[in-house]
Amino acid sequence: MRHTVVITDGEQRAALALTRAYGRAGHAVIVCGHRRDAIAKASRYCTAARLVPDPLRFPDDFLSGIERISRETGADTLIPVADSSLLAVLGAKDRLSHVVVPFPPLADFKRISDKGLLLSTAPQVGIRVPTQVVLSTREALSNLEVPELPIVLKPVRSVAQDGVGGGLKVGVSYARDAAELDRRLGDYPAAAYPILLQQRVVGSGVGIFLLVWDGELRAVFAHRRLREKPPSGGVSVYCESIAPPAELVARSRALLDRFAWRGVAMVEYKMEARTGTPYLMEINGRFWGSLQLAIDAGVDFPNLLLALSHGQSPAPITEYRIGVRNRWWWGDVDHLLARFMKSDEELALPPDRISRWSALGQFLRRRRGDHNEILRSDDPKPFFRETLNWVRGR
């Protein structure tokens, strides 16, 4: 069956991976984005590219644009990629009843995206979480017993409402001492609260990726982060497929069940370097930035989800190639530049960090099995567009 799929947020790597997966499977792909130079729009697998308002700043206008485009193109499926797009779309499913949106209701998405609720629920299924306290306002700090410094400052939601109909992204930061904690808290707008003040777990990042549909586990994948942007911890720029740890998969599945989850999800852990204990960081109830690695390793999450959402029953995928590595080239360049242009203190690097020169050696090293995530021989234009954007500082 050939589908027409609308994909939002063409600026993002996940949107490019989705575009390629659906296009290679023979589906028509309509890529939307708020920038004309969005990388997914440059893909040979993009049937049509459309410009829409930024869902973070103008969610109502974005929604109107998506509704119009999906009707004009006769689309039968809509895949929102970014949190802001999902919040807008899931909050107005009545306006999009003509397309399948293969994600849970808005209330379920908000619950699993609430880091405070998530980290209070995880211990119920045997998952370790960092020591933390919840700071409701900046002024409440004086009444709290703060975990041992250095600590992580983590807003409970990645998208906060700005009070005028739009939203703003709020991210993670670090504080080494009380003075820096006060400065970091001052940098957050009031809408970012509540904020978790969390024990910092030092170790490698591991992702458990699951597709649950109608109570059944339909796909499993796992990867290990080798480098991130920023270097202290963030999005993966170099990662490797690993065998799925059975116990961690079982507990991750149990946690998703607590939230009655239906769809794709990335469950992110830090493996504490000293003990090897996995600590839960967060769950992303959407397609993730390193999606291309799962596809390259043999787990085609996009087409599995598409088939399931249209009533088909593809065979579950629980086996895939181990040791496949993907490198997001320009993200990896940013990682290296940060190591040389900023001090370890500015980057909030953990005590076990490698030296700058070791980082350079790792950057230059080439291994059999490595893939360039964006540059593909059958679809090179997205890489050239991304390169131009990077040079321009966009």
Foldseek 3Di string as FASTA:
>chain_A
DEFEEEEEALQALLSLLLLVLNLVVPHAYEYEYQDPLRLSQQWPSHNYYDHFHDLQAAVVRRVVVVLVVCVVVVGAAYAYFDPSNCLSCLVPVVSVVSHFYQFDHNVLQVQQLQQVNLQVCLVVLPAAAFDKDWAQALVCVVVDDAPDPFWKKAQRHQWFDPPPNGIDGDGMDTDGDDVRVNVVRVVDDNRSDGIMTGDDFDAWKKKWKFAAAPRDTQEIWMKTAPAAVQRQDDAGQKMWTAQDDVVVNVSVSVSCVVSVTHGMKIWMWGQRPPPRRTHTDHMNRHRGRVNNQCVVFPNSRSVVSVQVSVPHDDHGYNDTHGGAMEGQVVRLVNNLCCLVVDDCVVSVHDPPDDHSVVSVVVSPDDDPNYDHSQDDPVTHRSVVSVVVCVVVVD
